[in-house]
PDB file of N, CA and C in Angstrom:
ATOM      1  N   MET A   1      45.733 -37.994  14.335  1.00  0.00           N
ATOM      2  CA  MET A   1      44.627 -38.698  14.912  1.00  0.00           C
ATOM      3  C   MET A   1      43.660 -37.678  15.502  1.00  0.00           C
ATOM      4  N   LEU A   2      42.353 -37.841  15.220  1.00  0.00           N
ATOM      5  CA  LEU A   2      41.342 -36.914  15.690  1.00  0.00           C
ATOM      6  C   LEU A   2      40.585 -37.527  16.852  1.00  0.00           C
ATOM      7  N   PHE A   3      40.461 -36.747  17.886  1.00  0.00           N
ATOM      8  CA  PHE A   3      39.693 -37.174  19.048  1.00  0.00           C
ATOM      9  C   PHE A   3      38.463 -36.285  19.169  1.00  0.00           C
ATOM     10  N   CYS A   4      37.433 -36.832  19.732  1.00  0.00           N
ATOM     11  CA  CYS A   4      36.205 -36.070  19.916  1.00  0.00           C
ATOM     12  C   CYS A   4      36.465 -34.909  20.860  1.00  0.00           C
ATOM     13  N   GLY A   5      36.130 -33.711  20.445  1.00  0.00           N
ATOM     14  CA  GLY A   5      36.313 -32.539  21.285  1.00  0.00           C
ATOM     15  C   GLY A   5      37.691 -31.931  21.193  1.00  0.00           C
ATOM     16  N   SER A   6      38.478 -32.325  20.222  1.00  0.00           N
ATOM     17  CA  SER A   6      39.817 -31.747  20.099  1.00  0.00           C
ATOM     18  C   SER A   6      39.727 -30.320  19.578  1.00  0.00           C
ATOM     19  N   ARG A   7      40.833 -29.612  19.658  1.00  0.00           N
ATOM     20  CA  ARG A   7      40.897 -28.222  19.217  1.00  0.00           C
ATOM     21  C   ARG A   7      40.586 -28.109  17.729  1.00  0.00           C
ATOM     22  N   TYR A   8      41.025 -29.038  16.950  1.00  0.00           N
ATOM     23  CA  TYR A   8      40.809 -29.024  15.512  1.00  0.00           C
ATOM     24  C   TYR A   8      39.314 -29.111  15.193  1.00  0.00           C
ATOM     25  N   ASP A   9      38.568 -29.955  15.890  1.00  0.00           N
ATOM     26  CA  ASP A   9      37.128 -30.093  15.666  1.00  0.00           C
ATOM     27  C   ASP A   9      36.387 -28.821  16.041  1.00  0.00           C
ATOM     28  N   ARG A  10      36.755 -28.192  17.128  1.00  0.00           N
ATOM     29  CA  ARG A  10      36.066 -26.971  17.556  1.00  0.00           C
ATOM     30  C   ARG A  10      36.294 -25.827  16.576  1.00  0.00           C
ATOM     31  N   GLN A  11      37.474 -25.717  16.013  1.00  0.00           N
ATOM     32  CA  GLN A  11      37.756 -24.631  15.080  1.00  0.00           C
ATOM     33  C   GLN A  11      37.031 -24.821  13.755  1.00  0.00           C
ATOM     34  N   ARG A  12      36.888 -26.033  13.307  1.00  0.00           N
ATOM     35  CA  ARG A  12      36.239 -26.266  12.019  1.00  0.00           C
ATOM     36  C   ARG A  12      34.729 -26.168  12.120  1.00  0.00           C
ATOM     37  N   SER A  13      34.144 -26.379  13.296  1.00  0.00           N
ATOM     38  CA  SER A  13      32.697 -26.413  13.413  1.00  0.00           C
ATOM     39  C   SER A  13      32.062 -25.029  13.506  1.00  0.00           C
ATOM     40  N   ARG A  14      32.786 -24.012  13.901  1.00  0.00           N
ATOM     41  CA  ARG A  14      32.176 -22.683  14.002  1.00  0.00           C
ATOM     42  C   ARG A  14      32.633 -21.808  12.844  1.00  0.00           C
ATOM     43  N   PRO A  15      31.742 -20.936  12.382  1.00  0.00           N
ATOM     44  CA  PRO A  15      32.112 -20.036  11.288  1.00  0.00           C
ATOM     45  C   PRO A  15      33.183 -19.054  11.747  1.00  0.00           C
ATOM     46  N   ARG A  16      34.097 -18.748  10.862  1.00  0.00           N
ATOM     47  CA  ARG A  16      35.229 -17.910  11.247  1.00  0.00           C
ATOM     48  C   ARG A  16      34.923 -16.419  11.183  1.00  0.00           C
ATOM     49  N   ASN A  17      34.226 -15.968  10.172  1.00  0.00           N
ATOM     50  CA  ASN A  17      34.098 -14.542   9.952  1.00  0.00           C
ATOM     51  C   ASN A  17      32.656 -14.069  10.123  1.00  0.00           C
ATOM     52  N   LEU A  18      31.953 -14.594  11.093  1.00  0.00           N
ATOM     53  CA  LEU A  18      30.573 -14.207  11.291  1.00  0.00           C
ATOM     54  C   LEU A  18      30.451 -12.756  11.770  1.00  0.00           C
ATOM     55  N   GLY A  19      31.367 -12.306  12.590  1.00  0.00           N
ATOM     56  CA  GLY A  19      31.349 -10.921  13.067  1.00  0.00           C
ATOM     57  C   GLY A  19      31.545  -9.929  11.936  1.00  0.00           C
ATOM     58  N   GLY A  20      32.430 -10.243  11.017  1.00  0.00           N
ATOM     59  CA  GLY A  20      32.678  -9.367   9.883  1.00  0.00           C
ATOM     60  C   GLY A  20      31.464  -9.265   8.968  1.00  0.00           C
ATOM     61  N   VAL A  21      30.772 -10.368   8.771  1.00  0.00           N
ATOM     62  CA  VAL A  21      29.567 -10.368   7.947  1.00  0.00           C
ATOM     63  C   VAL A  21      28.478  -9.528   8.605  1.00  0.00           C
ATOM     64  N   PHE A  22      28.335  -9.656   9.913  1.00  0.00           N
ATOM     65  CA  PHE A  22      27.332  -8.858  10.626  1.00  0.00           C
ATOM     66  C   PHE A  22      27.642  -7.373  10.529  1.00  0.00           C
ATOM     67  N   VAL A  23      28.899  -6.992  10.705  1.00  0.00           N
ATOM     68  CA  VAL A  23      29.284  -5.579  10.615  1.00  0.00           C
ATOM     69  C   VAL A  23      29.005  -5.042   9.214  1.00  0.00           C
ATOM     70  N   TYR A  24      29.338  -5.837   8.193  1.00  0.00           N
ATOM     71  CA  TYR A  24      29.072  -5.405   6.827  1.00  0.00           C
ATOM     72  C   TYR A  24      27.576  -5.257   6.602  1.00  0.00           C
ATOM     73  N   TRP A  25      26.766  -6.205   7.050  1.00  0.00           N
ATOM     74  CA  TRP A  25      25.311  -6.130   6.880  1.00  0.00           C
ATOM     75  C   TRP A  25      24.742  -4.917   7.609  1.00  0.00           C
ATOM     76  N   PHE A  26      25.202  -4.683   8.836  1.00  0.00           N
ATOM     77  CA  PHE A  26      24.698  -3.564   9.618  1.00  0.00           C
ATOM     78  C   PHE A  26      25.041  -2.233   8.946  1.00  0.00           C
ATOM     79  N   ARG A  27      26.241  -2.094   8.431  1.00  0.00           N
ATOM     80  CA  ARG A  27      26.646  -0.881   7.733  1.00  0.00           C
ATOM     81  C   ARG A  27      25.795  -0.670   6.485  1.00  0.00           C
ATOM     82  N   TYR A  28      25.565  -1.740   5.730  1.00  0.00           N
ATOM     83  CA  TYR A  28      24.755  -1.647   4.518  1.00  0.00           C
ATOM     84  C   TYR A  28      23.316  -1.264   4.855  1.00  0.00           C
ATOM     85  N   ALA A  29      22.759  -1.844   5.908  1.00  0.00           N
ATOM     86  CA  ALA A  29      21.385  -1.517   6.304  1.00  0.00           C
ATOM     87  C   ALA A  29      21.279  -0.060   6.733  1.00  0.00           C
ATOM     88  N   CYS A  30      22.257   0.430   7.473  1.00  0.00           N
ATOM     89  CA  CYS A  30      22.237   1.839   7.893  1.00  0.00           C
ATOM     90  C   CYS A  30      22.341   2.780   6.700  1.00  0.00           C
ATOM     91  N   LEU A  31      23.181   2.451   5.741  1.00  0.00           N
ATOM     92  CA  LEU A  31      23.306   3.289   4.547  1.00  0.00           C
ATOM     93  C   LEU A  31      22.005   3.303   3.751  1.00  0.00           C
ATOM     94  N   LEU A  32      21.331   2.166   3.657  1.00  0.00           N
ATOM     95  CA  LEU A  32      20.051   2.137   2.950  1.00  0.00           C
ATOM     96  C   LEU A  32      19.014   3.008   3.637  1.00  0.00           C
ATOM     97  N   MET A  33      18.974   2.969   4.964  1.00  0.00           N
ATOM     98  CA  MET A  33      18.007   3.790   5.697  1.00  0.00           C
ATOM     99  C   MET A  33      18.299   5.274   5.538  1.00  0.00           C
ATOM    100  N   LEU A  34      19.573   5.637   5.492  1.00  0.00           N
ATOM    101  CA  LEU A  34      19.926   7.042   5.350  1.00  0.00           C
ATOM    102  C   LEU A  34      19.669   7.559   3.938  1.00  0.00           C
ATOM    103  N   GLN A  35      19.701   6.686   2.941  1.00  0.00           N
ATOM    104  CA  GLN A  35      19.512   7.107   1.560  1.00  0.00           C
ATOM    105  C   GLN A  35      18.056   7.123   1.126  1.00  0.00           C
ATOM    106  N   THR A  36      17.156   6.581   1.918  1.00  0.00           N
ATOM    107  CA  THR A  36      15.747   6.556   1.509  1.00  0.00           C
ATOM    108  C   THR A  36      15.167   7.959   1.562  1.00  0.00           C
ATOM    109  N   LYS A  37      14.256   8.194   0.656  1.00  0.00           N
ATOM    110  CA  LYS A  37      13.602   9.499   0.586  1.00  0.00           C
ATOM    111  C   LYS A  37      12.169   9.345   1.096  1.00  0.00           C
ATOM    112  N   PRO A  38      11.614  10.393   1.653  1.00  0.00           N
ATOM    113  CA  PRO A  38      10.233  10.293   2.138  1.00  0.00           C
ATOM    114  C   PRO A  38       9.251  10.099   0.985  1.00  0.00           C
ATOM    115  N   VAL A  39       8.164   9.431   1.277  1.00  0.00           N
ATOM    116  CA  VAL A  39       7.144   9.161   0.277  1.00  0.00           C
ATOM    117  C   VAL A  39       6.359  10.442   0.002  1.00  0.00           C
ATOM    118  N   VAL A  40       6.149  10.721  -1.262  1.00  0.00           N
ATOM    119  CA  VAL A  40       5.407  11.909  -1.666  1.00  0.00           C
ATOM    120  C   VAL A  40       3.947  11.503  -1.892  1.00  0.00           C
ATOM    121  N   ASP A  41       3.042  12.230  -1.283  1.00  0.00           N
ATOM    122  CA  ASP A  41       1.616  11.932  -1.404  1.00  0.00           C
ATOM    123  C   ASP A  41       1.034  12.750  -2.552  1.00  0.00           C
ATOM    124  N   HIS A  42       0.558  12.060  -3.578  1.00  0.00           N
ATOM    125  CA  HIS A  42      -0.010  12.717  -4.758  1.00  0.00           C
ATOM    126  C   HIS A  42      -1.536  12.674  -4.754  1.00  0.00           C
ATOM    127  N   THR A  43      -2.137  12.394  -3.621  1.00  0.00           N
ATOM    128  CA  THR A  43      -3.583  12.231  -3.552  1.00  0.00           C
ATOM    129  C   THR A  43      -4.314  13.494  -3.986  1.00  0.00           C
ATOM    130  N   SER A  44      -3.909  14.633  -3.455  1.00  0.00           N
ATOM    131  CA  SER A  44      -4.619  15.875  -3.782  1.00  0.00           C
ATOM    132  C   SER A  44      -4.498  16.217  -5.264  1.00  0.00           C
ATOM    133  N   GLU A  45      -3.348  15.924  -5.872  1.00  0.00           N
ATOM    134  CA  GLU A  45      -3.174  16.198  -7.301  1.00  0.00           C
ATOM    135  C   GLU A  45      -4.073  15.300  -8.149  1.00  0.00           C
ATOM    136  N   VAL A  46      -4.165  14.016  -7.777  1.00  0.00           N
ATOM    137  CA  VAL A  46      -4.998  13.082  -8.529  1.00  0.00           C
ATOM    138  C   VAL A  46      -6.471  13.450  -8.394  1.00  0.00           C
ATOM    139  N   VAL A  47      -6.884  13.805  -7.172  1.00  0.00           N
ATOM    140  CA  VAL A  47      -8.277  14.182  -6.935  1.00  0.00           C
ATOM    141  C   VAL A  47      -8.632  15.435  -7.735  1.00  0.00           C
ATOM    142  N   ALA A  48      -7.742  16.414  -7.738  1.00  0.00           N
ATOM    143  CA  ALA A  48      -8.012  17.653  -8.471  1.00  0.00           C
ATOM    144  C   ALA A  48      -8.022  17.409  -9.987  1.00  0.00           C
ATOM    145  N   ALA A  49      -7.114  16.574 -10.482  1.00  0.00           N
ATOM    146  CA  ALA A  49      -7.033  16.318 -11.921  1.00  0.00           C
ATOM    147  C   ALA A  49      -8.252  15.559 -12.428  1.00  0.00           C
ATOM    148  N   ASN A  50      -8.864  14.735 -11.575  1.00  0.00           N
ATOM    149  CA  ASN A  50      -9.994  13.918 -12.015  1.00  0.00           C
ATOM    150  C   ASN A  50     -11.341  14.468 -11.575  1.00  0.00           C
ATOM    151  N   GLY A  51     -11.353  15.588 -10.903  1.00  0.00           N
ATOM    152  CA  GLY A  51     -12.604  16.242 -10.535  1.00  0.00           C
ATOM    153  C   GLY A  51     -13.410  15.510  -9.471  1.00  0.00           C
ATOM    154  N   LEU A  52     -12.752  14.817  -8.567  1.00  0.00           N
ATOM    155  CA  LEU A  52     -13.468  14.140  -7.490  1.00  0.00           C
ATOM    156  C   LEU A  52     -13.824  15.152  -6.401  1.00  0.00           C
ATOM    157  N   SER A  53     -14.946  14.936  -5.744  1.00  0.00           N
ATOM    158  CA  SER A  53     -15.445  15.922  -4.780  1.00  0.00           C
ATOM    159  C   SER A  53     -15.261  15.503  -3.319  1.00  0.00           C
ATOM    160  N   LEU A  54     -14.542  14.444  -3.058  1.00  0.00           N
ATOM    161  CA  LEU A  54     -14.372  13.976  -1.687  1.00  0.00           C
ATOM    162  C   LEU A  54     -13.748  15.023  -0.762  1.00  0.00           C
ATOM    163  N   PRO A  55     -12.690  15.741  -1.147  1.00  0.00           N
ATOM    164  CA  PRO A  55     -12.140  16.752  -0.233  1.00  0.00           C
ATOM    165  C   PRO A  55     -13.145  17.848   0.118  1.00  0.00           C
ATOM    166  N   ASP A  56     -13.956  18.252  -0.849  1.00  0.00           N
ATOM    167  CA  ASP A  56     -14.969  19.272  -0.581  1.00  0.00           C
ATOM    168  C   ASP A  56     -16.025  18.751   0.384  1.00  0.00           C
ATOM    169  N   VAL A  57     -16.407  17.501   0.228  1.00  0.00           N
ATOM    170  CA  VAL A  57     -17.400  16.900   1.115  1.00  0.00           C
ATOM    171  C   VAL A  57     -16.856  16.814   2.540  1.00  0.00           C
ATOM    172  N   LEU A  58     -15.602  16.407   2.665  1.00  0.00           N
ATOM    173  CA  LEU A  58     -14.998  16.335   3.996  1.00  0.00           C
ATOM    174  C   LEU A  58     -14.927  17.704   4.666  1.00  0.00           C
ATOM    175  N   THR A  59     -14.595  18.731   3.882  1.00  0.00           N
ATOM    176  CA  THR A  59     -14.547  20.088   4.423  1.00  0.00           C
ATOM    177  C   THR A  59     -15.932  20.533   4.891  1.00  0.00           C
ATOM    178  N   CYS A  60     -16.949  20.248   4.096  1.00  0.00           N
ATOM    179  CA  CYS A  60     -18.317  20.627   4.474  1.00  0.00           C
ATOM    180  C   CYS A  60     -18.763  19.889   5.738  1.00  0.00           C
ATOM    181  N   LEU A  61     -18.410  18.627   5.846  1.00  0.00           N
ATOM    182  CA  LEU A  61     -18.802  17.866   7.036  1.00  0.00           C
ATOM    183  C   LEU A  61     -18.093  18.363   8.293  1.00  0.00           C
ATOM    184  N   GLN A  62     -16.857  18.815   8.154  1.00  0.00           N
ATOM    185  CA  GLN A  62     -16.138  19.357   9.305  1.00  0.00           C
ATOM    186  C   GLN A  62     -16.718  20.696   9.746  1.00  0.00           C
ATOM    187  N   GLU A  63     -17.341  21.404   8.824  1.00  0.00           N
ATOM    188  CA  GLU A  63     -17.963  22.685   9.156  1.00  0.00           C
ATOM    189  C   GLU A  63     -19.379  22.505   9.704  1.00  0.00           C
ATOM    190  N   GLN A  64     -19.807  21.276   9.877  1.00  0.00           N
ATOM    191  CA  GLN A  64     -21.120  20.942  10.431  1.00  0.00           C
ATOM    192  C   GLN A  64     -22.241  21.601   9.625  1.00  0.00           C
ATOM    193  N   VAL A  65     -22.382  21.120   8.392  1.00  0.00           N
ATOM    194  CA  VAL A  65     -23.414  21.645   7.504  1.00  0.00           C
ATOM    195  C   VAL A  65     -24.795  21.228   8.001  1.00  0.00           C
ATOM    196  N   GLY A  66     -25.794  21.911   7.501  1.00  0.00           N
ATOM    197  CA  GLY A  66     -27.169  21.620   7.886  1.00  0.00           C
ATOM    198  C   GLY A  66     -27.686  20.348   7.240  1.00  0.00           C
ATOM    199  N   TYR A  67     -28.830  19.905   7.735  1.00  0.00           N
ATOM    200  CA  TYR A  67     -29.433  18.663   7.252  1.00  0.00           C
ATOM    201  C   TYR A  67     -29.837  18.771   5.782  1.00  0.00           C
ATOM    202  N   ALA A  68     -30.194  19.946   5.330  1.00  0.00           N
ATOM    203  CA  ALA A  68     -30.635  20.143   3.944  1.00  0.00           C
ATOM    204  C   ALA A  68     -29.490  19.933   2.956  1.00  0.00           C
ATOM    205  N   GLN A  69     -28.268  20.209   3.376  1.00  0.00           N
ATOM    206  CA  GLN A  69     -27.129  20.070   2.472  1.00  0.00           C
ATOM    207  C   GLN A  69     -26.599  18.639   2.398  1.00  0.00           C
ATOM    208  N   LEU A  70     -27.040  17.754   3.281  1.00  0.00           N
ATOM    209  CA  LEU A  70     -26.544  16.385   3.268  1.00  0.00           C
ATOM    210  C   LEU A  70     -26.935  15.647   1.990  1.00  0.00           C
ATOM    211  N   ALA A  71     -28.095  15.948   1.443  1.00  0.00           N
ATOM    212  CA  ALA A  71     -28.517  15.296   0.200  1.00  0.00           C
ATOM    213  C   ALA A  71     -27.587  15.666  -0.954  1.00  0.00           C
ATOM    214  N   ALA A  72     -27.163  16.918  -1.013  1.00  0.00           N
ATOM    215  CA  ALA A  72     -26.234  17.347  -2.059  1.00  0.00           C
ATOM    216  C   ALA A  72     -24.870  16.691  -1.882  1.00  0.00           C
ATOM    217  N   LEU A  73     -24.445  16.559  -0.623  1.00  0.00           N
ATOM    218  CA  LEU A  73     -23.167  15.894  -0.366  1.00  0.00           C
ATOM    219  C   LEU A  73     -23.229  14.423  -0.754  1.00  0.00           C
ATOM    220  N   GLN A  74     -24.355  13.769  -0.468  1.00  0.00           N
ATOM    221  CA  GLN A  74     -24.501  12.376  -0.850  1.00  0.00           C
ATOM    222  C   GLN A  74     -24.506  12.227  -2.369  1.00  0.00           C
ATOM    223  N   GLU A  75     -25.126  13.161  -3.049  1.00  0.00           N
ATOM    224  CA  GLU A  75     -25.159  13.110  -4.513  1.00  0.00           C
ATOM    225  C   GLU A  75     -23.754  13.236  -5.096  1.00  0.00           C
ATOM    226  N   SER A  76     -22.939  14.117  -4.538  1.00  0.00           N
ATOM    227  CA  SER A  76     -21.571  14.255  -5.054  1.00  0.00           C
ATOM    228  C   SER A  76     -20.726  13.027  -4.732  1.00  0.00           C
ATOM    229  N   LEU A  77     -20.959  12.404  -3.567  1.00  0.00           N
ATOM    230  CA  LEU A  77     -20.242  11.168  -3.251  1.00  0.00           C
ATOM    231  C   LEU A  77     -20.699  10.021  -4.156  1.00  0.00           C
ATOM    232  N   ASP A  78     -21.981   9.974  -4.482  1.00  0.00           N
ATOM    233  CA  ASP A  78     -22.476   8.960  -5.414  1.00  0.00           C
ATOM    234  C   ASP A  78     -21.861   9.144  -6.801  1.00  0.00           C
ATOM    235  N   ARG A  79     -21.691  10.399  -7.215  1.00  0.00           N
ATOM    236  CA  ARG A  79     -21.054  10.687  -8.493  1.00  0.00           C
ATOM    237  C   ARG A  79     -19.604  10.190  -8.489  1.00  0.00           C
ATOM    238  N   ASP A  80     -18.876  10.458  -7.401  1.00  0.00           N
ATOM    239  CA  ASP A  80     -17.503   9.971  -7.280  1.00  0.00           C
ATOM    240  C   ASP A  80     -17.463   8.441  -7.318  1.00  0.00           C
ATOM    241  N   TYR A  81     -18.420   7.813  -6.645  1.00  0.00           N
ATOM    242  CA  TYR A  81     -18.461   6.355  -6.612  1.00  0.00           C
ATOM    243  C   TYR A  81     -18.717   5.788  -8.010  1.00  0.00           C
ATOM    244  N   ARG A  82     -19.640   6.382  -8.745  1.00  0.00           N
ATOM    245  CA  ARG A  82     -19.916   5.907 -10.112  1.00  0.00           C
ATOM    246  C   ARG A  82     -18.689   6.074 -10.994  1.00  0.00           C
ATOM    247  N   LEU A  83     -17.991   7.196 -10.833  1.00  0.00           N
ATOM    248  CA  LEU A  83     -16.799   7.449 -11.628  1.00  0.00           C
ATOM    249  C   LEU A  83     -15.705   6.425 -11.318  1.00  0.00           C
ATOM    250  N   LEU A  84     -15.483   6.166 -10.045  1.00  0.00           N
ATOM    251  CA  LEU A  84     -14.448   5.206  -9.659  1.00  0.00           C
ATOM    252  C   LEU A  84     -14.792   3.790 -10.092  1.00  0.00           C
ATOM    253  N   THR A  85     -16.051   3.387  -9.966  1.00  0.00           N
ATOM    254  CA  THR A  85     -16.423   2.038 -10.394  1.00  0.00           C
ATOM    255  C   THR A  85     -16.321   1.893 -11.906  1.00  0.00           C
ATOM    256  N   ARG A  86     -16.600   2.957 -12.645  1.00  0.00           N
ATOM    257  CA  ARG A  86     -16.436   2.909 -14.099  1.00  0.00           C
ATOM    258  C   ARG A  86     -14.961   2.724 -14.455  1.00  0.00           C
ATOM    259  N   TRP A  87     -14.068   3.446 -13.760  1.00  0.00           N
ATOM    260  CA  TRP A  87     -12.639   3.289 -14.025  1.00  0.00           C
ATOM    261  C   TRP A  87     -12.179   1.876 -13.705  1.00  0.00           C
ATOM    262  N   LEU A  88     -12.644   1.343 -12.595  1.00  0.00           N
ATOM    263  CA  LEU A  88     -12.219  -0.005 -12.218  1.00  0.00           C
ATOM    264  C   LEU A  88     -12.771  -1.063 -13.158  1.00  0.00           C
ATOM    265  N   SER A  89     -13.976  -0.871 -13.634  1.00  0.00           N
ATOM    266  CA  SER A  89     -14.547  -1.861 -14.548  1.00  0.00           C
ATOM    267  C   SER A  89     -13.869  -1.823 -15.909  1.00  0.00           C
ATOM    268  N   ARG A  90     -13.341  -0.684 -16.299  1.00  0.00           N
ATOM    269  CA  ARG A  90     -12.638  -0.567 -17.577  1.00  0.00           C
ATOM    270  C   ARG A  90     -11.175  -0.988 -17.486  1.00  0.00           C
ATOM    271  N   SER A  91     -10.680  -1.142 -16.286  1.00  0.00           N
ATOM    272  CA  SER A  91      -9.266  -1.481 -16.152  1.00  0.00           C
ATOM    273  C   SER A  91      -9.009  -2.874 -16.705  1.00  0.00           C
ATOM    274  N   ALA A  92      -7.817  -3.072 -17.149  1.00  0.00           N
ATOM    275  CA  ALA A  92      -7.457  -4.350 -17.769  1.00  0.00           C
ATOM    276  C   ALA A  92      -7.343  -5.426 -16.710  1.00  0.00           C
ATOM    277  N   LYS A  93      -7.466  -6.651 -17.174  1.00  0.00           N
ATOM    278  CA  LYS A  93      -7.294  -7.778 -16.260  1.00  0.00           C
ATOM    279  C   LYS A  93      -5.819  -7.898 -15.908  1.00  0.00           C
ATOM    280  N   LEU A  94      -5.573  -8.203 -14.668  1.00  0.00           N
ATOM    281  CA  LEU A  94      -4.198  -8.379 -14.213  1.00  0.00           C
ATOM    282  C   LEU A  94      -3.764  -9.816 -14.457  1.00  0.00           C
ATOM    283  N   GLN A  95      -2.579  -9.979 -14.943  1.00  0.00           N
ATOM    284  CA  GLN A  95      -2.021 -11.308 -15.138  1.00  0.00           C
ATOM    285  C   GLN A  95      -1.011 -11.564 -14.026  1.00  0.00           C
ATOM    286  N   ALA A  96      -1.331 -12.500 -13.163  1.00  0.00           N
ATOM    287  CA  ALA A  96      -0.438 -12.819 -12.056  1.00  0.00           C
ATOM    288  C   ALA A  96      -0.174 -14.310 -12.053  1.00  0.00           C
ATOM    289  N   GLY A  97       0.986 -14.701 -12.472  1.00  0.00           N
ATOM    290  CA  GLY A  97       1.356 -16.105 -12.463  1.00  0.00           C
ATOM    291  C   GLY A  97       0.488 -16.965 -13.352  1.00  0.00           C
ATOM    292  N   GLY A  98       0.040 -16.438 -14.471  1.00  0.00           N
ATOM    293  CA  GLY A  98      -0.784 -17.192 -15.386  1.00  0.00           C
ATOM    294  C   GLY A  98      -2.262 -17.173 -15.042  1.00  0.00           C
ATOM    295  N   CYS A  99      -2.629 -16.612 -13.909  1.00  0.00           N
ATOM    296  CA  CYS A  99      -4.036 -16.536 -13.514  1.00  0.00           C
ATOM    297  C   CYS A  99      -4.553 -15.132 -13.786  1.00  0.00           C
ATOM    298  N   ALA A 100      -5.701 -15.034 -14.379  1.00  0.00           N
ATOM    299  CA  ALA A 100      -6.300 -13.731 -14.659  1.00  0.00           C
ATOM    300  C   ALA A 100      -7.113 -13.301 -13.448  1.00  0.00           C
ATOM    301  N   LEU A 101      -6.807 -12.136 -12.927  1.00  0.00           N
ATOM    302  CA  LEU A 101      -7.531 -11.584 -11.789  1.00  0.00           C
ATOM    303  C   LEU A 101      -8.318 -10.385 -12.266  1.00  0.00           C
ATOM    304  N   LYS A 102      -9.611 -10.386 -12.044  1.00  0.00           N
ATOM    305  CA  LYS A 102     -10.448  -9.271 -12.465  1.00  0.00           C
ATOM    306  C   LYS A 102     -10.532  -8.263 -11.339  1.00  0.00           C
ATOM    307  N   THR A 103     -10.460  -6.981 -11.673  1.00  0.00           N
ATOM    308  CA  THR A 103     -10.511  -5.938 -10.666  1.00  0.00           C
ATOM    309  C   THR A 103     -11.913  -5.374 -10.544  1.00  0.00           C
ATOM    310  N   GLY A 104     -12.910  -6.201 -10.606  1.00  0.00           N
ATOM    311  CA  GLY A 104     -14.289  -5.748 -10.494  1.00  0.00           C
ATOM    312  C   GLY A 104     -14.633  -5.354  -9.071  1.00  0.00           C
ATOM    313  N   THR A 105     -15.622  -4.482  -8.929  1.00  0.00           N
ATOM    314  CA  THR A 105     -15.993  -4.001  -7.599  1.00  0.00           C
ATOM    315  C   THR A 105     -17.170  -4.759  -7.017  1.00  0.00           C
ATOM    316  N   GLN A 106     -17.762  -5.667  -7.775  1.00  0.00           N
ATOM    317  CA  GLN A 106     -18.958  -6.347  -7.287  1.00  0.00           C
ATOM    318  C   GLN A 106     -18.639  -7.260  -6.104  1.00  0.00           C
ATOM    319  N   ALA A 107     -17.452  -7.878  -6.097  1.00  0.00           N
ATOM    320  CA  ALA A 107     -17.139  -8.808  -5.022  1.00  0.00           C
ATOM    321  C   ALA A 107     -16.470  -8.123  -3.849  1.00  0.00           C
ATOM    322  N   GLY A 108     -15.988  -6.915  -4.018  1.00  0.00           N
ATOM    323  CA  GLY A 108     -15.252  -6.230  -2.970  1.00  0.00           C
ATOM    324  C   GLY A 108     -16.161  -5.459  -2.027  1.00  0.00           C
ATOM    325  N   PRO A 109     -15.560  -4.755  -1.097  1.00  0.00           N
ATOM    326  CA  PRO A 109     -16.350  -3.994  -0.124  1.00  0.00           C
ATOM    327  C   PRO A 109     -17.116  -2.841  -0.752  1.00  0.00           C
ATOM    328  N   TRP A 110     -16.649  -2.323  -1.907  1.00  0.00           N
ATOM    329  CA  TRP A 110     -17.377  -1.222  -2.530  1.00  0.00           C
ATOM    330  C   TRP A 110     -18.738  -1.692  -3.033  1.00  0.00           C
ATOM    331  N   GLY A 111     -18.785  -2.911  -3.554  1.00  0.00           N
ATOM    332  CA  GLY A 111     -20.055  -3.447  -4.010  1.00  0.00           C
ATOM    333  C   GLY A 111     -21.026  -3.649  -2.856  1.00  0.00           C
ATOM    334  N   VAL A 112     -20.519  -4.013  -1.700  1.00  0.00           N
ATOM    335  CA  VAL A 112     -21.360  -4.191  -0.522  1.00  0.00           C
ATOM    336  C   VAL A 112     -21.896  -2.839  -0.051  1.00  0.00           C
ATOM    337  N   LEU A 113     -21.035  -1.819  -0.072  1.00  0.00           N
ATOM    338  CA  LEU A 113     -21.461  -0.493   0.377  1.00  0.00           C
ATOM    339  C   LEU A 113     -22.520   0.104  -0.540  1.00  0.00           C
ATOM    340  N   ALA A 114     -22.440  -0.231  -1.819  1.00  0.00           N
ATOM    341  CA  ALA A 114     -23.411   0.317  -2.760  1.00  0.00           C
ATOM    342  C   ALA A 114     -24.687  -0.513  -2.820  1.00  0.00           C
ATOM    343  N   GLY A 115     -24.746  -1.597  -2.058  1.00  0.00           N
ATOM    344  CA  GLY A 115     -25.940  -2.427  -2.025  1.00  0.00           C
ATOM    345  C   GLY A 115     -26.023  -3.383  -3.209  1.00  0.00           C
ATOM    346  N   ARG A 116     -24.882  -3.782  -3.733  1.00  0.00           N
ATOM    347  CA  ARG A 116     -24.874  -4.702  -4.886  1.00  0.00           C
ATOM    348  C   ARG A 116     -24.585  -6.101  -4.439  1.00  0.00           C
TER     349      ARG A 116
END
């Protein structure tokens, strides 16, 4: 005969091995954190391989170039911008869940910065 609040009811209502599951999860999470490798930044390699001038412009700006050189720096940044927008416009459409997403720059912040 079962009565409300009996020992049998209390034992069946709580999970038995919750502590063991937590210990296993914690051990697994710690092992994953220890096995992760740091992220390698390939930005400088990509910039050098594609001939972008942004690092040179940043170096010149940190050296406090004169007003006459700002036009040349703007021209090189405009060249980089044209190159990047050409790459993005040629990129393929992304298929995400049956919907085609275009990677055009006209609707994004780059189009706003270029006055488009």
